[in-house]
Amino acid sequence: MQFVLLVFESPEAFAARNSAETDPYLGAWRAYYKSLVEAGIYVGGDPLEVPETGTTVRVKEGKRRVQDGPFADTKEQLADS
């Protein structure tokens, strides 16, 4: 049996993260990763693409609907002012 662990971090939090070797976040992640590898259960860890490249797939009433990107399905135009 295989499981997936999905770790989400907003782009803002990722950009603000300290990349120094003494960063406790990185230290904790490296320790966890090392324990997975040493236990022989680590399979892979490729990052996902940014949300703008995604495709949304939904099934409603037995019909599949595919939409490019994580965008609202609307005829109206949405904008920031």
C-alpha atoms as a PDB file:
ATOM      1  CA  MET A   1       0.000   0.000   0.000  1.00  0.00           C
ATOM      2  CA  GLN A   2       1.259   3.471  -0.825  1.00  0.00           C
ATOM      3  CA  PHE A   3       0.251   6.820   0.622  1.00  0.00           C
ATOM      4  CA  VAL A   4       0.782  10.366  -0.533  1.00  0.00           C
ATOM      5  CA  LEU A   5       1.698  13.322   1.598  1.00  0.00           C
ATOM      6  CA  LEU A   6       0.808  16.639   0.039  1.00  0.00           C
ATOM      7  CA  VAL A   7       2.389  19.653   1.679  1.00  0.00           C
ATOM      8  CA  PHE A   8       0.901  22.992   0.687  1.00  0.00           C
ATOM      9  CA  GLU A   9       2.704  26.252   1.125  1.00  0.00           C
ATOM     10  CA  SER A  10       1.447  29.495  -0.345  1.00  0.00           C
ATOM     11  CA  PRO A  11       3.741  31.227  -2.830  1.00  0.00           C
ATOM     12  CA  GLU A  12       4.119  34.115  -0.378  1.00  0.00           C
ATOM     13  CA  ALA A  13       5.155  31.828   2.492  1.00  0.00           C
ATOM     14  CA  PHE A  14       7.566  29.958   0.224  1.00  0.00           C
ATOM     15  CA  ALA A  15       9.187  33.218  -0.926  1.00  0.00           C
ATOM     16  CA  ALA A  16       9.480  34.470   2.660  1.00  0.00           C
ATOM     17  CA  ARG A  17      11.000  31.252   3.998  1.00  0.00           C
ATOM     18  CA  ASN A  18      14.553  31.472   5.279  1.00  0.00           C
ATOM     19  CA  SER A  19      16.877  29.200   3.277  1.00  0.00           C
ATOM     20  CA  ALA A  20      19.664  29.305   5.863  1.00  0.00           C
ATOM     21  CA  GLU A  21      20.989  26.004   7.156  1.00  0.00           C
ATOM     22  CA  THR A  22      19.836  26.952  10.678  1.00  0.00           C
ATOM     23  CA  ASP A  23      16.172  27.394   9.662  1.00  0.00           C
ATOM     24  CA  PRO A  24      14.096  25.129  11.959  1.00  0.00           C
ATOM     25  CA  TYR A  25      11.562  24.440   9.186  1.00  0.00           C
ATOM     26  CA  LEU A  26      14.246  23.038   6.885  1.00  0.00           C
ATOM     27  CA  GLY A  27      15.889  21.123   9.731  1.00  0.00           C
ATOM     28  CA  ALA A  28      12.613  19.419  10.658  1.00  0.00           C
ATOM     29  CA  TRP A  29      11.852  18.594   7.020  1.00  0.00           C
ATOM     30  CA  ARG A  30      15.322  17.148   6.419  1.00  0.00           C
ATOM     31  CA  ALA A  31      15.060  14.965   9.544  1.00  0.00           C
ATOM     32  CA  TYR A  32      11.658  13.655   8.433  1.00  0.00           C
ATOM     33  CA  TYR A  33      12.884  13.006   4.895  1.00  0.00           C
ATOM     34  CA  LYS A  34      15.967  11.199   6.208  1.00  0.00           C
ATOM     35  CA  SER A  35      13.822   8.932   8.402  1.00  0.00           C
ATOM     36  CA  LEU A  36      11.625   8.021   5.416  1.00  0.00           C
ATOM     37  CA  VAL A  37      14.648   7.182   3.265  1.00  0.00           C
ATOM     38  CA  GLU A  38      16.331   5.157   6.023  1.00  0.00           C
ATOM     39  CA  ALA A  39      13.110   3.192   6.576  1.00  0.00           C
ATOM     40  CA  GLY A  40      13.089   2.338   2.850  1.00  0.00           C
ATOM     41  CA  ILE A  41       9.612   3.757   2.320  1.00  0.00           C
ATOM     42  CA  TYR A  42      10.400   6.957   0.427  1.00  0.00           C
ATOM     43  CA  VAL A  43       9.244   6.691  -3.194  1.00  0.00           C
ATOM     44  CA  GLY A  44       9.542  10.185  -4.653  1.00  0.00           C
ATOM     45  CA  GLY A  45       9.134  13.870  -4.027  1.00  0.00           C
ATOM     46  CA  ASP A  46       8.629  15.826  -7.202  1.00  0.00           C
ATOM     47  CA  PRO A  47       6.942  19.208  -6.753  1.00  0.00           C
ATOM     48  CA  LEU A  48       3.673  20.014  -8.442  1.00  0.00           C
ATOM     49  CA  GLU A  49       3.429  22.715 -11.062  1.00  0.00           C
ATOM     50  CA  VAL A  50       2.025  26.137 -10.201  1.00  0.00           C
ATOM     51  CA  PRO A  51      -1.809  26.296 -10.055  1.00  0.00           C
ATOM     52  CA  GLU A  52      -2.034  28.314 -13.274  1.00  0.00           C
ATOM     53  CA  THR A  53      -0.885  25.273 -15.278  1.00  0.00           C
ATOM     54  CA  GLY A  54      -3.502  22.962 -13.765  1.00  0.00           C
ATOM     55  CA  THR A  55      -6.562  21.320 -15.221  1.00  0.00           C
ATOM     56  CA  THR A  56      -9.743  20.773 -13.250  1.00  0.00           C
ATOM     57  CA  VAL A  57     -11.624  17.507 -13.823  1.00  0.00           C
ATOM     58  CA  ARG A  58     -15.098  17.109 -12.356  1.00  0.00           C
ATOM     59  CA  VAL A  59     -17.696  14.381 -12.686  1.00  0.00           C
ATOM     60  CA  LYS A  60     -21.306  15.450 -12.267  1.00  0.00           C
ATOM     61  CA  GLU A  61     -24.265  13.180 -12.926  1.00  0.00           C
ATOM     62  CA  GLY A  62     -21.928  10.672 -14.564  1.00  0.00           C
ATOM     63  CA  LYS A  63     -20.519  13.175 -17.061  1.00  0.00           C
ATOM     64  CA  ARG A  64     -16.895  14.234 -17.041  1.00  0.00           C
ATOM     65  CA  ARG A  65     -16.047  17.893 -17.424  1.00  0.00           C
ATOM     66  CA  VAL A  66     -12.491  19.077 -18.084  1.00  0.00           C
ATOM     67  CA  GLN A  67     -11.522  22.726 -17.676  1.00  0.00           C
ATOM     68  CA  ASP A  68      -8.084  24.246 -18.167  1.00  0.00           C
ATOM     69  CA  GLY A  69      -6.724  25.966 -15.098  1.00  0.00           C
ATOM     70  CA  PRO A  70      -8.139  26.499 -11.643  1.00  0.00           C
ATOM     71  CA  PHE A  71     -10.468  29.229 -12.824  1.00  0.00           C
ATOM     72  CA  ALA A  72     -14.105  29.933 -12.070  1.00  0.00           C
ATOM     73  CA  ASP A  73     -16.406  28.664 -14.790  1.00  0.00           C
ATOM     74  CA  THR A  74     -18.339  31.823 -15.499  1.00  0.00           C
ATOM     75  CA  LYS A  75     -19.347  33.895 -18.469  1.00  0.00           C
ATOM     76  CA  GLU A  76     -18.782  37.045 -16.477  1.00  0.00           C
ATOM     77  CA  GLN A  77     -15.354  38.603 -16.394  1.00  0.00           C
ATOM     78  CA  LEU A  78     -13.756  38.779 -12.956  1.00  0.00           C
ATOM     79  CA  ALA A  79     -11.226  41.473 -12.177  1.00  0.00           C
ATOM     80  CA  ASP A  80      -9.526  43.285  -9.355  1.00  0.00           C
ATOM     81  CA  SER A  81     -10.083  46.986  -9.198  1.00  0.00           C
END
